[in-house]
Amino acid sequence: MRRRDFLKTGTLAGSAFFLFRSHSLAAAGAGAHIEVLLDEPVATVAPEIFGHFIEHLGGVIYDGVWVGENSKIANTDGIRTALIDRLKAIHAPVIRWPGGCFADSYDWRDGVGPRSKRPKRTDFWVDEEHAAKLPNDSPVKFEPNQFGTDDFARLCRLSGAQPYIAANLRSLPPYAFDQWVEYCNSPAGSTAYADMRAQAGTSAPYNVQYWGIGNESWGCGGQFTPEAYASEYRRFQAWVPHYGLDLKYVASGPNGDDVDWTTQFFGNIFGSRKIDPPFGWSLHYYTDLPEALDFTAEEVYPAYAKADRMEKIILDHWTAMGVYDHEHRVKLVVDEYGPWYRMDTELDPSHIFGQQITIRDAVMTALTLDTFVRHAEKVSMAACAQLVNCINSLFLAHEDHFIETPNFEVFRMYASHQGGRSVRTEFAAPAIDFSYTDNKQGPFGAGTTPGVTKGPLWGLNGSASVKDKQLTLTVTNPHLTEARETEIRLQGGSAVSAEATVLAADDIHAHNTFEQPRAVQTRTATAAVSGQSVRFTFPPSSVTRLAVTLS
């Protein structure tokens, strides 16, 4: 479906009412401006904010990451080789595992030792309505433990990513956590666990620094109160052997904008019986939406507006944290985020929570990454949920088929930000006014999506960073039909050249399939450069990276 045909389908059923209009400045050809203040740095962009997440959920591990050493599918020690290669291409900095909700029902000891002797266990997701329909030999229902700690560490080593392990706080004691750290990090030949690691093929320690202390402890991780979770966190972080490493703990933070959870936890650990604060404060926010593919034009801007709430959530929690942590030693770790839809576009029935990824999702993912870059002093790590065959994935795989989604292209473009210096950037473009009343139900159950969403929505947004003499400017244009002719002014420097990489399509529904694996891909374009000015026209519904060489 072409864009002009898509926009003709404007009539909504039932009581849903839609209105959008652009400001008078949004007439075709009207100007937009971006000011890049090169001499106003924010902070270094931590590469880890471009991280990823894999969970023993649906087809993420089995059929996505792990195919087995004896598979006819190209693999490296059982791990899908195509996945390793693509992770290298985007310089994947960190991968989180084994969950997610699965983490707090997982005993790491089940996933080590000879594969033939590893026990099968009931998977956390066995009672999920889609999983319940699968046969009992499905790894979605009964975990075979063929992919464990050694395999995860191997995936990280092969792809160049750092491992980030989420520990079981709900159903295992702190001593089991100590032993997991020992298995991963104790020196060669030093302990029985180090010898077991060597028998698995790696005598050298894995040197895992990032450890999540529980996951979603307000929900599937135990349904704790913030005070009770703070008490458990105290137990888990105390006297863990470091083996010469600077262990970086990530505490289980709030669901969305639950500021009370943050306030109560920080009040406890910074209170009269103060303990060392964690490295990071986990934050989860999903954009719950009804349909991955069967959506109308009227539903696009409300989706962008929901995704854009990430900035307010970050600011709200940062402020709450600062009441107790005056020096802001604790940073935010947004280790689950992305658009989440009802199931109906998964590639295989075993891929529970699987969904197709369109240009709309690429725009939402890009605007979230831009938020992280703009707030580089606040966000130290993030993980897109999830890497393959699930929510907001970069890849879709089934048996010997493997494709990249539009999100992969976003991460490939945005890799240029890694390690750069975020600089303040101001955007001025015609805003989009809209008002939409939705009666559809999202994936989280009744009442999660329905309601009124209103504009205005920004006309252009993005972020900028500088590394050596290279400026990376990433920009999203959310408008469905209008390009944005834009002047970009460089304050504190001038440009020698500029090249653009653009991700866009004529149809906002555009996505890749096994039959058409390159239906959505990037193209390059040149930008006009004159001293401190760069001019470029951002296409409708697009994500663009401008690589500007500075004089």
Protein backbone atom coordinates (compact mmCIF):
# COMPACT_ATOMS: atom_id res chain seq x y z
CA MET A 1 0.00 0.00 0.00
CA ARG A 2 1.41 3.38 -1.00
CA ARG A 3 1.30 6.31 1.42
CA ARG A 4 -1.36 8.27 -0.49
CA ASP A 5 -3.61 5.20 -0.56
CA PHE A 6 -2.95 4.46 3.09
CA LEU A 7 -3.98 7.95 4.13
CA LYS A 8 -7.33 7.60 2.34
CA THR A 9 -8.40 4.95 4.86
CA GLY A 10 -9.29 7.54 7.48
CA THR A 11 -12.66 6.33 8.74
CA LEU A 12 -12.57 4.61 12.12
CA ALA A 13 -15.14 2.12 13.36
CA GLY A 14 -17.09 2.51 16.59
CA SER A 15 -16.56 5.51 18.82
CA ALA A 16 -12.93 6.18 17.99
CA PHE A 17 -12.51 9.75 16.85
CA PHE A 18 -9.45 11.12 15.17
CA LEU A 19 -8.30 14.61 14.30
CA PHE A 20 -4.91 15.76 13.26
CA ARG A 21 -3.86 18.98 11.70
CA SER A 22 -0.48 20.59 11.28
CA HIS A 23 0.34 24.12 12.31
CA SER A 24 0.35 26.71 9.54
CA LEU A 25 4.13 26.42 9.39
CA ALA A 26 3.79 22.80 8.29
CA ALA A 27 2.85 23.69 4.73
CA ALA A 28 4.96 21.93 2.15
CA GLY A 29 8.37 23.53 1.89
CA ALA A 30 8.08 25.39 5.20
CA GLY A 31 11.35 25.73 7.07
CA ALA A 32 12.67 23.79 10.04
CA HIS A 33 15.83 24.52 12.00
CA ILE A 34 18.27 22.56 14.11
CA GLU A 35 20.90 24.22 16.28
CA VAL A 36 23.85 22.02 17.26
CA LEU A 37 25.75 23.68 20.10
CA LEU A 38 29.16 22.07 19.74
CA ASP A 39 30.59 24.00 22.67
CA GLU A 40 27.87 22.87 25.10
CA PRO A 41 28.72 19.23 25.96
CA VAL A 42 26.31 17.10 28.01
CA ALA A 43 28.34 13.96 28.78
CA THR A 44 30.06 11.04 27.10
CA VAL A 45 27.59 8.70 25.42
CA ALA A 46 28.06 5.34 27.14
CA PRO A 47 28.23 2.66 24.44
CA GLU A 48 26.18 0.46 26.76
CA ILE A 49 22.99 2.45 26.10
CA PHE A 50 22.83 0.62 22.75
CA GLY A 51 22.57 -2.76 24.47
CA HIS A 52 20.31 -5.77 23.96
CA PHE A 53 18.30 -8.32 25.88
CA ILE A 54 17.65 -12.06 25.47
CA GLU A 55 15.30 -14.12 27.63
CA HIS A 56 14.24 -17.75 27.72
CA LEU A 57 10.91 -16.72 26.26
CA GLY A 58 9.21 -18.04 23.14
CA GLY A 59 11.63 -18.27 20.23
CA VAL A 60 14.30 -15.90 21.59
CA ILE A 61 16.84 -18.49 22.76
CA TYR A 62 15.69 -21.69 21.05
CA ASP A 63 15.17 -20.96 17.33
CA GLY A 64 16.71 -17.49 17.69
CA VAL A 65 20.09 -17.57 19.44
CA TRP A 66 20.67 -21.28 19.95
CA VAL A 67 20.42 -23.88 17.18
CA GLY A 68 22.80 -26.53 18.61
CA GLU A 69 26.24 -27.72 17.61
CA ASN A 70 24.88 -30.46 15.36
CA SER A 71 22.46 -28.23 13.47
CA LYS A 72 22.65 -27.84 9.71
CA ILE A 73 22.13 -24.14 10.30
CA ALA A 74 25.43 -22.27 10.26
CA ASN A 75 26.52 -22.03 13.89
CA THR A 76 29.50 -21.38 16.10
CA ASP A 77 29.46 -23.79 19.03
CA GLY A 78 25.70 -24.01 18.71
CA ILE A 79 25.06 -20.26 18.44
CA ARG A 80 23.53 -18.98 15.21
CA THR A 81 26.48 -17.53 13.25
CA ALA A 82 24.36 -14.98 11.39
CA LEU A 83 23.38 -13.47 14.74
CA ILE A 84 26.99 -13.20 15.86
CA ASP A 85 27.98 -11.50 12.61
CA ARG A 86 25.17 -8.93 12.83
CA LEU A 87 25.96 -8.14 16.46
CA LYS A 88 29.52 -7.36 15.42
CA ALA A 89 28.22 -5.12 12.63
CA ILE A 90 26.38 -2.87 15.10
CA HIS A 91 29.15 -3.02 17.74
CA ALA A 92 26.73 -4.51 20.28
CA PRO A 93 28.15 -3.31 23.60
CA VAL A 94 26.24 -5.39 26.17
CA ILE A 95 23.67 -8.22 26.27
CA ARG A 96 21.33 -8.89 29.20
CA TRP A 97 20.31 -12.48 30.11
CA PRO A 98 18.52 -14.77 31.21
CA GLY A 99 15.51 -12.49 31.80
CA GLY A 100 13.17 -10.81 32.22
CA CYS A 101 10.61 -12.65 34.29
CA PHE A 102 12.35 -15.94 33.54
CA ALA A 103 15.37 -14.83 35.60
CA ASP A 104 13.56 -15.05 38.93
CA SER A 105 12.56 -18.68 38.32
CA TYR A 106 15.96 -19.78 36.97
CA ASP A 107 18.60 -21.82 38.79
CA TRP A 108 21.86 -21.14 36.98
CA ARG A 109 23.25 -24.51 38.11
CA ASP A 110 20.74 -26.28 35.84
CA GLY A 111 22.46 -24.76 32.78
CA VAL A 112 26.06 -25.81 33.39
CA GLY A 113 27.90 -29.12 33.11
CA PRO A 114 27.46 -31.80 30.42
CA ARG A 115 24.47 -30.99 28.24
CA SER A 116 23.18 -34.56 28.35
CA LYS A 117 22.87 -34.38 32.13
CA ARG A 118 21.15 -31.02 32.42
CA PRO A 119 17.64 -31.26 33.87
CA LYS A 120 14.46 -30.14 32.20
CA ARG A 121 12.52 -27.62 34.25
CA THR A 122 9.14 -25.96 34.01
CA ASP A 123 9.55 -22.65 32.20
CA PHE A 124 8.24 -19.47 33.80
CA TRP A 125 6.02 -18.87 30.77
CA VAL A 126 4.35 -22.33 30.77
CA ASP A 127 0.92 -20.90 31.69
CA GLU A 128 0.97 -18.05 29.19
CA GLU A 129 -2.14 -18.56 27.03
CA HIS A 130 -0.21 -19.02 23.77
CA ALA A 131 2.41 -21.28 25.35
CA ALA A 132 -0.32 -23.48 26.81
CA LYS A 133 -1.37 -24.44 23.27
CA LEU A 134 2.07 -25.85 22.41
CA PRO A 135 3.11 -29.51 22.82
CA ASN A 136 4.85 -30.53 26.02
CA ASP A 137 8.16 -31.12 24.26
CA SER A 138 8.37 -27.42 23.39
CA PRO A 139 11.20 -25.55 25.13
CA VAL A 140 8.72 -22.70 25.57
CA LYS A 141 6.90 -24.81 28.22
CA PHE A 142 9.66 -26.97 29.64
CA GLU A 143 13.15 -25.48 29.67
CA PRO A 144 15.78 -27.97 28.40
CA ASN A 145 18.71 -25.92 29.74
CA GLN A 146 20.76 -26.52 26.61
CA PHE A 147 21.75 -22.83 26.63
CA GLY A 148 23.34 -21.77 29.90
CA THR A 149 25.96 -19.53 31.45
CA ASP A 150 28.89 -20.81 29.38
CA ASP A 151 26.94 -20.45 26.15
CA PHE A 152 25.84 -16.93 27.05
CA ALA A 153 29.41 -15.96 27.90
CA ARG A 154 30.51 -17.43 24.57
CA LEU A 155 27.88 -15.42 22.70
CA CYS A 156 29.18 -12.25 24.34
CA ARG A 157 32.81 -13.08 23.62
CA LEU A 158 32.15 -13.95 19.98
CA SER A 159 30.08 -10.82 19.37
CA GLY A 160 32.29 -8.45 21.37
CA ALA A 161 29.56 -7.58 23.89
CA GLN A 162 29.83 -7.42 27.66
CA PRO A 163 27.66 -9.85 29.64
CA TYR A 164 24.95 -8.47 31.93
CA ILE A 165 23.38 -11.19 34.08
CA ALA A 166 20.06 -10.83 35.91
CA ALA A 167 20.18 -12.81 39.16
CA ASN A 168 17.30 -14.72 40.73
CA LEU A 169 16.15 -12.79 43.80
CA ARG A 170 12.60 -14.16 44.09
CA SER A 171 13.29 -17.87 44.46
CA LEU A 172 16.99 -18.39 45.25
CA PRO A 173 19.00 -17.22 48.29
CA PRO A 174 21.91 -14.76 48.17
CA TYR A 175 24.42 -17.61 48.53
CA ALA A 176 23.34 -19.01 45.14
CA PHE A 177 24.12 -15.58 43.70
CA ASP A 178 27.56 -15.63 45.35
CA GLN A 179 28.22 -19.02 43.77
CA TRP A 180 27.16 -17.78 40.33
CA VAL A 181 29.63 -14.91 40.63
CA GLU A 182 32.24 -17.45 41.70
CA TYR A 183 31.52 -19.68 38.70
CA CYS A 184 31.87 -16.75 36.32
CA ASN A 185 34.76 -14.84 37.86
CA SER A 186 36.95 -16.97 40.14
CA PRO A 187 40.53 -17.43 38.85
CA ALA A 188 41.46 -20.56 36.92
CA GLY A 189 42.10 -23.52 39.21
CA SER A 190 41.03 -21.63 42.34
CA THR A 191 37.70 -23.32 43.20
CA ALA A 192 35.54 -26.28 42.32
CA TYR A 193 33.36 -23.94 40.28
CA ALA A 194 36.41 -22.64 38.41
CA ASP A 195 37.31 -26.26 37.61
CA MET A 196 33.75 -26.90 36.40
CA ARG A 197 34.02 -23.85 34.16
CA ALA A 198 37.28 -25.21 32.76
CA GLN A 199 35.65 -28.57 32.05
CA ALA A 200 33.05 -26.66 30.02
CA GLY A 201 35.88 -25.31 27.84
CA THR A 202 36.95 -22.04 29.46
CA SER A 203 39.56 -22.01 32.20
CA ALA A 204 39.91 -18.21 32.21
CA PRO A 205 37.24 -16.31 34.16
CA TYR A 206 34.41 -14.61 32.28
CA ASN A 207 34.92 -11.39 34.28
CA VAL A 208 31.22 -10.52 34.42
CA GLN A 209 30.88 -7.02 35.88
CA TYR A 210 27.21 -6.20 35.37
CA TRP A 211 24.76 -8.00 37.68
CA GLY A 212 21.07 -7.27 38.00
CA ILE A 213 19.75 -7.93 41.53
CA GLY A 214 16.33 -9.27 40.60
CA ASN A 215 14.02 -8.23 37.78
CA GLU A 216 10.71 -6.37 38.02
CA SER A 217 10.60 -7.10 41.74
CA TRP A 218 7.35 -5.11 41.91
CA GLY A 219 5.73 -7.73 39.65
CA CYS A 220 6.83 -11.10 38.27
CA GLY A 221 10.04 -10.89 40.32
CA GLY A 222 8.24 -11.35 43.63
CA GLN A 223 5.53 -8.69 43.95
CA PHE A 224 7.58 -6.99 46.65
CA THR A 225 6.86 -3.66 48.20
CA PRO A 226 9.72 -1.20 47.64
CA GLU A 227 10.67 -1.48 51.31
CA ALA A 228 10.77 -5.27 51.17
CA TYR A 229 12.78 -5.22 47.96
CA ALA A 230 15.28 -2.78 49.50
CA SER A 231 15.74 -5.27 52.35
CA GLU A 232 16.41 -8.10 49.88
CA TYR A 233 18.76 -5.93 47.86
CA ARG A 234 20.79 -5.28 51.02
CA ARG A 235 21.24 -9.04 51.51
CA PHE A 236 22.21 -9.78 47.92
CA GLN A 237 24.82 -7.06 47.52
CA ALA A 238 26.61 -7.65 50.83
CA TRP A 239 30.02 -9.35 50.84
CA VAL A 240 29.94 -10.77 47.33
CA PRO A 241 33.44 -11.84 46.23
CA HIS A 242 34.82 -9.41 43.65
CA TYR A 243 37.90 -11.30 42.37
CA GLY A 244 39.60 -8.00 41.58
CA LEU A 245 36.68 -6.68 39.51
CA ASP A 246 34.58 -3.58 39.99
CA LEU A 247 31.20 -5.34 40.18
CA LYS A 248 28.40 -3.10 38.96
CA TYR A 249 25.04 -3.93 40.51
CA VAL A 250 21.78 -2.86 38.90
CA ALA A 251 18.89 -2.64 41.34
CA SER A 252 15.37 -3.53 40.21
CA GLY A 253 13.71 -0.21 39.60
CA PRO A 254 10.20 0.92 38.70
CA ASN A 255 7.54 0.05 36.19
CA GLY A 256 7.22 3.13 34.00
CA ASP A 257 6.62 6.29 35.98
CA ASP A 258 6.14 4.70 39.41
CA VAL A 259 8.12 7.37 41.27
CA ASP A 260 7.01 6.03 44.67
CA TRP A 261 9.00 2.82 44.07
CA THR A 262 12.10 4.91 43.40
CA THR A 263 11.52 7.22 46.36
CA GLN A 264 11.00 4.38 48.84
CA PHE A 265 14.04 2.40 47.69
CA PHE A 266 16.41 5.37 47.69
CA GLY A 267 15.06 6.55 51.03
CA ASN A 268 15.99 3.13 52.45
CA ILE A 269 19.51 2.67 51.14
CA PHE A 270 20.47 6.33 51.64
CA GLY A 271 18.73 6.49 55.03
CA SER A 272 20.02 6.16 58.57
CA ARG A 273 21.55 2.75 57.81
CA LYS A 274 23.14 3.74 54.53
CA ILE A 275 24.82 1.22 52.23
CA ASP A 276 26.86 1.63 49.07
CA PRO A 277 24.43 2.59 46.31
CA PRO A 278 24.07 0.46 43.18
CA PHE A 279 25.76 1.32 39.91
CA GLY A 280 22.42 1.49 38.14
CA TRP A 281 18.68 1.82 38.73
CA SER A 282 16.70 -0.34 36.32
CA LEU A 283 13.75 1.24 34.52
CA HIS A 284 11.24 -0.55 32.28
CA TYR A 285 8.81 1.13 29.94
CA TYR A 286 6.87 -0.51 27.12
CA THR A 287 4.65 1.27 24.63
CA ASP A 288 1.55 -0.94 24.72
CA LEU A 289 -0.23 -0.87 21.36
CA PRO A 290 -2.91 -3.06 19.74
CA GLU A 291 -1.63 -4.07 16.30
CA ALA A 292 1.84 -4.56 14.83
CA LEU A 293 0.69 -4.43 11.18
CA ASP A 294 -3.05 -3.83 11.00
CA PHE A 295 -3.02 -0.19 12.12
CA THR A 296 -4.46 2.94 10.53
CA ALA A 297 -2.92 6.32 9.84
CA GLU A 298 -4.80 7.72 12.81
CA GLU A 299 -2.96 5.39 15.18
CA VAL A 300 0.57 6.41 14.19
CA TYR A 301 0.98 9.75 15.99
CA PRO A 302 -0.53 8.46 19.27
CA ALA A 303 2.01 5.61 19.17
CA TYR A 304 4.86 8.11 18.76
CA ALA A 305 3.48 10.20 21.60
CA LYS A 306 3.38 7.17 23.90
CA ALA A 307 6.95 6.23 23.05
CA ASP A 308 8.00 9.82 23.65
CA ARG A 309 6.89 9.54 27.29
CA MET A 310 10.28 7.97 27.94
CA GLU A 311 11.81 11.42 28.36
CA LYS A 312 9.36 12.46 31.09
CA ILE A 313 9.84 9.14 32.87
CA ILE A 314 13.62 9.59 32.87
CA LEU A 315 13.34 13.13 34.18
CA ASP A 316 10.82 12.19 36.88
CA HIS A 317 12.98 9.39 38.29
CA TRP A 318 16.19 11.39 37.98
CA THR A 319 14.62 14.11 40.10
CA ALA A 320 13.34 11.61 42.69
CA MET A 321 16.77 9.94 42.88
CA GLY A 322 18.49 13.28 43.35
CA VAL A 323 16.57 13.97 46.58
CA TYR A 324 18.71 11.27 48.23
CA ASP A 325 21.63 10.81 45.84
CA HIS A 326 22.71 14.44 45.61
CA GLU A 327 25.80 13.66 43.55
CA HIS A 328 23.86 11.37 41.21
CA ARG A 329 26.26 8.48 41.60
CA VAL A 330 23.46 6.10 40.57
CA LYS A 331 22.60 6.20 36.89
CA LEU A 332 19.52 4.97 35.08
CA VAL A 333 19.61 1.61 33.29
CA VAL A 334 16.66 1.30 30.90
CA ASP A 335 17.05 -2.42 30.37
CA GLU A 336 13.61 -3.12 28.87
CA TYR A 337 11.80 -0.86 26.42
CA GLY A 338 10.04 -0.90 23.08
CA PRO A 339 6.62 -1.12 21.37
CA TRP A 340 4.66 -4.19 22.50
CA TYR A 341 1.67 -5.47 20.48
CA ARG A 342 -0.95 -8.16 20.74
CA MET A 343 0.19 -11.43 19.19
CA ASP A 344 -0.87 -12.08 15.60
CA THR A 345 2.23 -11.45 13.48
CA GLU A 346 4.65 -13.97 15.04
CA LEU A 347 6.53 -16.18 12.57
CA ASP A 348 5.80 -19.42 14.44
CA PRO A 349 3.35 -20.39 17.20
CA SER A 350 6.31 -21.01 19.53
CA HIS A 351 7.37 -17.36 19.26
CA ILE A 352 5.17 -16.05 22.03
CA PHE A 353 5.19 -12.24 22.13
CA GLY A 354 6.75 -12.34 18.67
CA GLN A 355 5.83 -9.48 16.37
CA GLN A 356 6.67 -7.93 13.02
CA ILE A 357 8.73 -4.72 12.99
CA THR A 358 7.77 -1.86 10.67
CA ILE A 359 9.03 1.61 9.84
CA ARG A 360 6.77 2.87 12.62
CA ASP A 361 8.73 0.77 15.13
CA ALA A 362 12.03 2.02 13.72
CA VAL A 363 10.93 5.61 14.32
CA MET A 364 9.87 4.81 17.89
CA THR A 365 13.13 2.99 18.60
CA ALA A 366 15.17 5.85 17.16
CA LEU A 367 13.37 8.52 19.16
CA THR A 368 14.02 6.45 22.33
CA LEU A 369 17.73 6.12 21.55
CA ASP A 370 17.87 9.87 20.86
CA THR A 371 16.36 10.45 24.30
CA PHE A 372 19.16 8.39 25.85
CA VAL A 373 21.84 10.32 23.95
CA ARG A 374 20.34 13.69 24.91
CA HIS A 375 20.39 12.55 28.54
CA ALA A 376 23.80 10.90 28.42
CA GLU A 377 24.62 12.13 31.93
CA LYS A 378 21.59 10.25 33.30
CA VAL A 379 21.41 6.98 31.32
CA SER A 380 24.42 4.70 31.58
CA MET A 381 23.03 1.52 30.02
CA ALA A 382 19.96 0.24 28.20
CA ALA A 383 18.70 -2.93 26.58
CA CYS A 384 16.19 -3.07 23.75
CA ALA A 385 13.62 -5.78 24.37
CA GLN A 386 14.26 -8.18 22.77
CA LEU A 387 17.03 -9.10 20.36
CA VAL A 388 15.34 -11.76 18.24
CA ASN A 389 11.85 -13.26 17.70
CA CYS A 390 10.10 -11.18 20.32
CA ILE A 391 9.16 -7.61 21.24
CA ASN A 392 10.77 -4.88 19.11
CA SER A 393 13.42 -7.27 17.79
CA LEU A 394 16.36 -6.49 15.54
CA PHE A 395 16.16 -9.96 13.96
CA LEU A 396 13.57 -12.57 13.09
CA ALA A 397 14.58 -16.20 12.66
CA HIS A 398 12.93 -19.57 12.19
CA GLU A 399 14.86 -22.74 11.45
CA ASP A 400 17.26 -21.82 8.63
CA HIS A 401 15.63 -18.44 7.86
CA PHE A 402 17.09 -15.24 9.30
CA ILE A 403 16.33 -11.60 8.51
CA GLU A 404 17.10 -8.15 9.82
CA THR A 405 14.25 -5.86 10.84
CA PRO A 406 14.21 -2.06 10.39
CA ASN A 407 15.39 -1.79 14.02
CA PHE A 408 18.69 -3.37 13.00
CA GLU A 409 19.25 -0.49 10.59
CA VAL A 410 18.52 2.00 13.38
CA PHE A 411 21.12 0.43 15.65
CA ARG A 412 23.63 0.28 12.81
CA MET A 413 23.19 4.01 12.17
CA TYR A 414 23.22 4.97 15.83
CA ALA A 415 26.40 3.01 16.60
CA SER A 416 28.28 6.17 15.57
CA HIS A 417 27.14 7.80 18.82
CA GLN A 418 28.99 5.25 20.96
CA GLY A 419 31.71 6.91 23.00
CA GLY A 420 31.01 10.34 21.52
CA ARG A 421 30.37 13.51 23.50
CA SER A 422 26.69 14.37 23.57
CA VAL A 423 26.12 18.06 22.80
CA ARG A 424 23.04 20.16 23.34
CA THR A 425 20.85 20.31 20.26
CA GLU A 426 17.71 22.38 19.72
CA PHE A 427 14.99 21.53 17.20
CA ALA A 428 12.44 23.96 15.75
CA ALA A 429 9.92 22.50 13.31
CA PRO A 430 6.16 22.67 12.76
CA ALA A 431 4.45 20.56 15.40
CA ILE A 432 1.73 18.03 14.66
CA ASP A 433 -1.59 18.49 16.45
CA PHE A 434 -3.74 15.40 16.90
CA SER A 435 -6.41 13.97 19.15
CA TYR A 436 -7.29 10.29 19.06
CA THR A 437 -9.72 8.26 21.15
CA ASP A 438 -8.87 4.57 21.10
CA ASN A 439 -11.15 1.71 22.17
CA LYS A 440 -8.74 -1.06 21.22
CA GLN A 441 -7.11 -3.28 23.81
CA GLY A 442 -3.35 -3.57 24.06
CA PRO A 443 -1.23 -6.60 25.01
CA PHE A 444 -1.33 -5.96 28.78
CA GLY A 445 -5.04 -6.75 29.14
CA ALA A 446 -8.27 -4.79 29.35
CA GLY A 447 -7.96 -1.08 29.82
CA THR A 448 -4.29 -0.78 28.98
CA THR A 449 -4.54 1.04 25.66
CA PRO A 450 -8.03 2.62 25.41
CA GLY A 451 -8.21 6.32 26.11
CA VAL A 452 -7.58 9.71 24.61
CA THR A 453 -4.13 10.64 23.33
CA LYS A 454 -3.54 14.25 22.32
CA GLY A 455 -0.83 16.28 20.68
CA PRO A 456 1.01 18.33 19.85
CA LEU A 457 3.81 16.06 18.73
CA TRP A 458 7.17 17.57 17.86
CA GLY A 459 7.88 18.00 14.14
CA LEU A 460 11.53 16.91 14.28
CA ASN A 461 13.57 15.45 17.12
CA GLY A 462 16.93 13.80 17.59
CA SER A 463 20.35 14.05 19.21
CA ALA A 464 23.96 14.88 18.41
CA SER A 465 27.38 13.74 19.55
CA VAL A 466 30.96 14.56 18.60
CA LYS A 467 33.95 12.23 18.40
CA ASP A 468 37.23 13.75 17.24
CA LYS A 469 36.26 15.76 14.14
CA GLN A 470 33.11 13.79 13.40
CA LEU A 471 29.64 15.03 14.31
CA THR A 472 26.85 12.46 14.37
CA LEU A 473 23.39 14.01 14.15
CA THR A 474 20.43 11.61 14.23
CA VAL A 475 16.94 12.88 13.43
CA THR A 476 13.43 11.45 13.28
CA ASN A 477 10.71 13.02 11.14
CA PRO A 478 7.38 11.58 12.33
CA HIS A 479 5.15 13.25 9.76
CA LEU A 480 3.35 10.74 7.57
CA THR A 481 3.32 12.81 4.39
CA GLU A 482 5.51 15.87 4.69
CA ALA A 483 9.25 16.13 4.23
CA ARG A 484 11.12 18.68 6.35
CA GLU A 485 13.49 20.98 4.50
CA THR A 486 15.86 21.92 7.30
CA GLU A 487 18.75 24.23 7.98
CA ILE A 488 21.22 22.88 10.52
CA ARG A 489 23.39 25.50 12.22
CA LEU A 490 26.64 24.51 13.91
CA GLN A 491 27.42 26.78 16.82
CA GLY A 492 31.10 26.63 17.74
CA GLY A 493 32.34 24.98 14.57
CA SER A 494 31.92 24.57 10.83
CA ALA A 495 31.45 21.68 8.43
CA VAL A 496 33.71 20.36 5.68
CA SER A 497 31.33 17.70 4.35
CA ALA A 498 28.19 15.82 5.31
CA GLU A 499 26.68 12.52 4.26
CA ALA A 500 23.27 11.18 5.21
CA THR A 501 22.06 7.64 5.82
CA VAL A 502 18.27 7.48 5.59
CA LEU A 503 15.79 4.82 6.67
CA ALA A 504 12.37 5.48 5.13
CA ALA A 505 9.69 3.82 3.01
CA ASP A 506 6.63 4.86 1.03
CA ASP A 507 4.42 2.86 3.39
CA ILE A 508 4.63 3.18 7.18
CA HIS A 509 3.69 -0.53 7.35
CA ALA A 510 6.81 -1.54 5.40
CA HIS A 511 8.73 -4.46 6.93
CA ASN A 512 11.07 -7.27 5.93
CA THR A 513 9.97 -10.86 5.42
CA PHE A 514 11.70 -14.13 4.61
CA GLU A 515 10.40 -13.72 1.05
CA GLN A 516 11.49 -10.05 0.83
CA PRO A 517 14.36 -9.69 3.31
CA ARG A 518 15.50 -6.28 1.99
CA ALA A 519 12.15 -4.58 1.49
CA VAL A 520 13.27 -1.99 4.06
CA GLN A 521 16.85 -0.81 3.97
CA THR A 522 18.84 2.38 4.25
CA ARG A 523 20.02 4.63 1.44
CA THR A 524 22.70 7.29 1.35
CA ALA A 525 22.30 10.93 0.35
CA THR A 526 24.43 14.06 0.39
CA ALA A 527 23.74 17.22 2.32
CA ALA A 528 24.56 20.76 1.25
CA VAL A 529 27.37 22.26 3.33
CA SER A 530 28.37 25.91 3.66
CA GLY A 531 30.53 26.85 6.62
CA GLN A 532 28.41 26.67 9.76
CA SER A 533 25.32 25.65 7.81
CA VAL A 534 24.18 22.23 6.63
CA ARG A 535 20.96 21.83 4.68
CA PHE A 536 19.03 18.60 4.31
CA THR A 537 15.47 17.51 3.63
CA PHE A 538 14.26 14.81 6.00
CA PRO A 539 11.75 12.49 4.27
CA PRO A 540 8.39 11.66 5.85
CA SER A 541 8.33 8.85 8.42
CA SER A 542 12.08 8.61 8.48
CA VAL A 543 15.15 8.08 10.62
CA THR A 544 18.30 9.82 9.40
CA ARG A 545 21.93 9.91 10.47
CA LEU A 546 24.01 12.84 9.28
CA ALA A 547 27.76 12.23 9.47
CA VAL A 548 29.33 15.70 9.42
CA THR A 549 33.08 16.18 9.17
CA LEU A 550 34.09 19.27 11.13
CA SER A 551 36.90 21.60 10.16
